């Protein structure tokens, strides 16, 4: 699985949708996607929690459940790797690798302080994750979180991602970038594959491919779309007493195909 996942990054552009449980993972696999990724916010919602509140043990169990449910590689949103020390980061990588992860991401935002890590701290943390990932053949993605937290300094983002690449990251990622100019500039500034988050206002996948983006993920958006559909269906049932929402549901044949 790890070799397959790494090979996807060699050329072209591929989609990396984010399921939030084993059922959504199997559904996405049935649609022909070549790899999947976890979503911290989607997982948290499935557990009835807010994002960044899930424990490492809960994530490891989630990864084990997803890798057991599908036959395609899984990348893991490991947030900060649940540790403040290089040793702790390595321990998290080891546990996720044992659970079946083909890839792992590490980000430079610390929710405990509400701040982006210093560049020096970010480099140290990426280096620790890279060393641990290398032992397992796991693809490491380093994330610069600036644009998710109101710090829209592309120069700083590029400096960070170039430094994270030098520290051992295989892929770099700046979630929140939207404009073709910004995305194209990032792609041209680094010497490794770039992941882009498919957010409102971002270019479509075909245009991202022309910009040189290697990987396009969805974050929690598929989970929130599913929860939105559930909300709308439940409101219809509650307020109108009708069930027209069934027209968009999986058919019995589709259910059998996906879930056996």
Protein backbone atom coordinates (compact mmCIF):
# COMPACT_ATOMS: atom_id res chain seq x y z
CA UNK A 1 0.00 0.00 0.00
CA UNK A 2 2.81 2.41 0.84
CA UNK A 3 4.58 1.76 -2.45
CA UNK A 4 1.30 2.26 -4.31
CA UNK A 5 0.64 5.52 -2.51
CA UNK A 6 4.14 6.84 -3.11
CA UNK A 7 3.91 5.96 -6.80
CA UNK A 8 0.74 8.06 -7.18
CA UNK A 9 2.90 11.12 -6.49
CA UNK A 10 5.29 10.46 -9.38
CA UNK A 11 3.32 12.28 -12.09
CA UNK A 12 -0.07 13.69 -12.98
CA UNK A 13 -2.81 14.76 -10.57
CA UNK A 14 -4.88 12.45 -8.40
CA UNK A 15 -7.84 12.92 -6.10
CA UNK A 16 -7.64 12.11 -2.41
CA UNK A 17 -11.18 12.32 -0.98
CA UNK A 18 -11.65 12.21 2.79
CA UNK A 19 -14.06 9.68 4.32
CA UNK A 20 -15.04 9.97 7.97
CA UNK A 21 -15.88 6.34 8.80
CA UNK A 22 -15.51 2.84 7.37
CA UNK A 23 -18.78 3.04 5.47
CA UNK A 24 -17.92 6.27 3.68
CA UNK A 25 -14.46 4.84 2.94
CA UNK A 26 -15.94 1.77 1.27
CA UNK A 27 -18.35 3.92 -0.73
CA UNK A 28 -15.52 6.11 -2.02
CA UNK A 29 -13.43 3.06 -2.86
CA UNK A 30 -16.37 1.64 -4.88
CA UNK A 31 -16.38 4.83 -6.97
CA UNK A 32 -12.85 4.11 -8.21
CA UNK A 33 -10.69 6.49 -6.20
CA UNK A 34 -7.09 5.31 -5.97
CA UNK A 35 -6.42 6.46 -2.39
CA UNK A 36 -8.21 8.04 0.55
CA UNK A 37 -7.34 10.32 3.45
CA UNK A 38 -8.80 10.75 6.90
CA UNK A 39 -10.28 14.07 8.01
CA UNK A 40 -9.80 15.29 11.57
CA UNK A 41 -13.00 17.35 11.54
CA UNK A 42 -15.05 14.59 9.93
CA UNK A 43 -13.78 11.99 12.38
CA UNK A 44 -14.48 14.33 15.29
CA UNK A 45 -18.04 14.89 14.07
CA UNK A 46 -18.63 11.15 13.76
CA UNK A 47 -17.64 10.85 17.43
CA UNK A 48 -19.84 13.78 18.45
CA UNK A 49 -16.85 16.00 19.14
CA UNK A 50 -15.36 19.26 17.90
CA UNK A 51 -12.31 19.26 15.66
CA UNK A 52 -8.93 18.99 17.42
CA UNK A 53 -10.54 17.19 20.38
CA UNK A 54 -10.00 13.60 19.20
CA UNK A 55 -7.36 11.64 21.10
CA UNK A 56 -4.45 9.77 19.57
CA UNK A 57 -5.94 6.43 20.63
CA UNK A 58 -9.21 7.34 18.89
CA UNK A 59 -7.36 8.26 15.70
CA UNK A 60 -5.27 5.09 15.72
CA UNK A 61 -8.42 2.98 16.15
CA UNK A 62 -10.08 4.92 13.32
CA UNK A 63 -7.13 4.32 11.00
CA UNK A 64 -7.12 0.61 11.81
CA UNK A 65 -10.85 0.41 11.04
CA UNK A 66 -10.50 2.22 7.71
CA UNK A 67 -7.47 0.27 6.50
CA UNK A 68 -9.30 -2.96 7.37
CA UNK A 69 -12.36 -1.81 5.40
CA UNK A 70 -10.69 -0.86 2.09
CA UNK A 71 -8.01 -2.17 -0.26
CA UNK A 72 -6.51 1.17 -1.27
CA UNK A 73 -3.91 3.37 0.47
CA UNK A 74 -4.91 5.66 3.32
CA UNK A 75 -3.28 8.97 4.20
CA UNK A 76 -3.80 10.14 7.80
CA UNK A 77 -4.50 13.65 9.03
CA UNK A 78 -2.43 13.37 12.21
CA UNK A 79 -2.82 17.06 13.20
CA UNK A 80 0.27 17.88 15.34
CA UNK A 81 1.02 14.18 15.83
CA UNK A 82 -0.33 14.51 19.37
CA UNK A 83 3.06 15.35 20.86
CA UNK A 84 5.31 18.23 21.83
CA UNK A 85 8.59 16.33 21.59
CA UNK A 86 10.43 14.54 18.76
CA UNK A 87 10.10 11.29 20.70
CA UNK A 88 6.37 11.72 21.03
CA UNK A 89 6.00 12.53 17.35
CA UNK A 90 7.93 9.37 16.45
CA UNK A 91 5.70 7.31 18.74
CA UNK A 92 2.59 8.63 16.99
CA UNK A 93 4.05 7.81 13.58
CA UNK A 94 4.91 4.30 14.75
CA UNK A 95 1.37 3.69 16.00
CA UNK A 96 -0.27 5.02 12.84
CA UNK A 97 2.07 2.99 10.66
CA UNK A 98 1.21 -0.13 12.65
CA UNK A 99 -2.48 0.68 12.10
CA UNK A 100 -1.87 0.62 8.34
CA UNK A 101 -1.28 4.23 7.31
CA UNK A 102 0.36 4.70 3.91
CA UNK A 103 0.85 8.42 4.49
CA UNK A 104 0.78 10.84 7.43
CA UNK A 105 0.51 14.62 7.61
CA UNK A 106 1.87 16.92 10.30
CA UNK A 107 0.80 20.53 10.71
CA UNK A 108 2.37 23.59 12.31
CA UNK A 109 -0.62 25.01 14.18
CA UNK A 110 -0.83 24.43 17.92
CA UNK A 111 -4.42 24.59 19.20
CA UNK A 112 -3.17 24.69 22.79
CA UNK A 113 -1.64 28.12 22.18
CA UNK A 114 -3.83 29.20 19.27
CA UNK A 115 -0.70 30.05 17.28
CA UNK A 116 1.35 28.85 14.34
CA UNK A 117 4.61 27.24 15.44
CA UNK A 118 7.80 29.21 14.93
CA UNK A 119 9.66 28.19 11.79
CA UNK A 120 12.43 26.63 13.87
CA UNK A 121 9.97 24.54 15.87
CA UNK A 122 8.13 23.53 12.72
CA UNK A 123 11.35 22.34 11.08
CA UNK A 124 12.31 20.31 14.16
CA UNK A 125 8.90 18.66 14.29
CA UNK A 126 8.84 17.83 10.57
CA UNK A 127 12.34 16.37 10.82
CA UNK A 128 11.25 14.10 13.67
CA UNK A 129 8.21 12.94 11.73
CA UNK A 130 10.29 12.42 8.57
CA UNK A 131 12.81 10.24 10.38
CA UNK A 132 10.05 8.08 11.82
CA UNK A 133 8.14 7.87 8.53
CA UNK A 134 11.29 6.80 6.69
CA UNK A 135 11.60 3.75 8.94
CA UNK A 136 8.20 2.56 7.75
CA UNK A 137 8.22 3.78 4.14
CA UNK A 138 5.32 6.13 4.97
CA UNK A 139 4.81 9.24 2.82
CA UNK A 140 5.07 12.40 4.93
CA UNK A 141 3.08 15.53 4.12
CA UNK A 142 4.08 18.76 5.88
CA UNK A 143 1.35 21.35 6.27
CA UNK A 144 1.67 25.13 6.69
CA UNK A 145 -1.54 26.25 8.36
CA UNK A 146 -1.18 30.02 7.89
CA UNK A 147 -4.13 30.48 5.56
CA UNK A 148 -6.59 28.60 7.76
CA UNK A 149 -5.90 30.94 10.67
CA UNK A 150 -5.93 34.39 9.10
CA UNK A 151 -2.22 34.75 8.36
CA UNK A 152 -2.27 35.23 4.60
CA UNK A 153 1.45 35.74 4.04
CA UNK A 154 2.31 33.58 1.05
CA UNK A 155 5.99 34.41 1.32
CA UNK A 156 6.05 32.98 4.84
CA UNK A 157 4.07 29.94 3.73
CA UNK A 158 6.50 29.22 0.91
CA UNK A 159 9.49 29.71 3.21
CA UNK A 160 8.00 27.26 5.65
CA UNK A 161 7.15 24.62 3.08
CA UNK A 162 10.56 24.83 1.46
CA UNK A 163 12.15 24.39 4.88
CA UNK A 164 9.83 21.47 5.69
CA UNK A 165 10.78 19.85 2.40
CA UNK A 166 14.46 20.25 3.28
CA UNK A 167 13.70 18.67 6.67
CA UNK A 168 12.42 15.52 4.97
CA UNK A 169 8.80 16.02 3.91
CA UNK A 170 7.75 14.17 0.75
CA UNK A 171 4.72 16.37 0.02
CA UNK A 172 3.81 19.92 1.06
CA UNK A 173 0.39 21.40 1.67
CA UNK A 174 -0.98 24.87 2.46
CA UNK A 175 -4.71 24.39 3.06
CA UNK A 176 -6.76 27.48 2.34
CA UNK A 177 -5.01 28.70 -0.81
CA UNK A 178 -7.62 29.58 -3.42
CA UNK A 179 -6.31 31.67 -6.30
CA UNK A 180 -4.54 30.21 -9.33
CA UNK A 181 -1.73 32.76 -8.90
CA UNK A 182 -1.03 31.73 -5.30
CA UNK A 183 -1.28 28.03 -6.03
CA UNK A 184 0.87 28.28 -9.13
CA UNK A 185 3.49 30.28 -7.26
CA UNK A 186 3.67 27.66 -4.52
CA UNK A 187 4.01 24.81 -7.01
CA UNK A 188 6.83 26.67 -8.78
CA UNK A 189 8.62 27.39 -5.51
CA UNK A 190 9.01 23.86 -4.12
CA UNK A 191 10.75 20.75 -5.40
CA UNK A 192 8.17 18.17 -4.38
CA UNK A 193 4.50 17.28 -4.92
CA UNK A 194 1.92 19.80 -3.71
CA UNK A 195 -1.46 18.96 -2.17
CA UNK A 196 -4.30 21.47 -2.56
CA UNK A 197 -7.53 21.50 -0.58
CA UNK A 198 -10.67 21.68 -2.70
CA UNK A 199 -12.41 24.62 -1.04
CA UNK A 200 -15.08 27.06 -2.20
CA UNK A 201 -13.53 29.49 -4.64
CA UNK A 202 -10.57 27.28 -5.54
CA UNK A 203 -10.01 26.33 -9.18
CA UNK A 204 -11.59 23.10 -10.45
CA UNK A 205 -9.45 19.97 -10.54
CA UNK A 206 -8.65 20.28 -14.25
CA UNK A 207 -7.20 23.76 -13.71
CA UNK A 208 -5.28 22.61 -10.64
CA UNK A 209 -3.74 19.90 -12.78
CA UNK A 210 -2.64 22.51 -15.32
CA UNK A 211 -1.01 24.46 -12.47
CA UNK A 212 1.06 21.39 -11.60
CA UNK A 213 -0.79 20.33 -8.44
CA UNK A 214 -0.14 16.66 -7.75
CA UNK A 215 -2.85 15.87 -5.20
CA UNK A 216 -6.31 17.30 -4.44
CA UNK A 217 -8.05 16.48 -1.15
CA UNK A 218 -11.44 17.45 0.25
CA UNK A 219 -10.84 17.78 3.99
CA UNK A 220 -14.08 17.64 5.95
CA UNK A 221 -16.28 18.91 3.11
CA UNK A 222 -17.69 15.51 2.12
CA UNK A 223 -18.59 14.81 5.73
CA UNK A 224 -20.29 18.18 6.07
CA UNK A 225 -22.15 17.63 2.79
CA UNK A 226 -23.41 14.30 4.13
CA UNK A 227 -24.43 15.84 7.45
CA UNK A 228 -26.16 18.63 5.52
CA UNK A 229 -28.14 16.06 3.52
CA UNK A 230 -29.11 14.31 6.76
CA UNK A 231 -30.25 17.63 8.25
CA UNK A 232 -32.37 18.46 5.23
CA UNK A 233 -33.92 14.99 5.10
CA UNK A 234 -34.74 15.07 8.80
CA UNK A 235 -36.29 18.53 8.50
CA UNK A 236 -38.48 17.34 5.64
CA UNK A 237 -39.62 14.36 7.69
CA UNK A 238 -40.26 16.51 10.76
CA UNK A 239 -41.97 19.46 9.07
CA UNK A 240 -43.71 18.01 6.02
CA UNK A 241 -44.02 14.38 6.99
CA UNK A 242 -42.78 13.37 3.52
CA UNK A 243 -39.78 11.34 2.40
CA UNK A 244 -38.79 12.71 -0.99
CA UNK A 245 -35.21 12.63 0.28
CA UNK A 246 -35.26 8.91 -0.53
CA UNK A 247 -34.84 9.75 -4.22
CA UNK A 248 -31.20 10.69 -3.54
CA UNK A 249 -30.49 7.65 -1.37
CA UNK A 250 -28.42 4.64 -2.38
CA UNK A 251 -30.49 1.96 -4.07
CA UNK A 252 -30.64 -1.57 -2.63
CA UNK A 253 -28.35 -2.76 -5.44
CA UNK A 254 -25.84 -0.01 -4.66
CA UNK A 255 -25.95 -0.86 -0.97
CA UNK A 256 -25.28 -4.51 -1.75
CA UNK A 257 -22.43 -3.59 -4.10
CA UNK A 258 -20.69 -1.36 -1.57
CA UNK A 259 -21.36 -3.15 1.69
CA UNK A 260 -21.87 -6.75 0.59
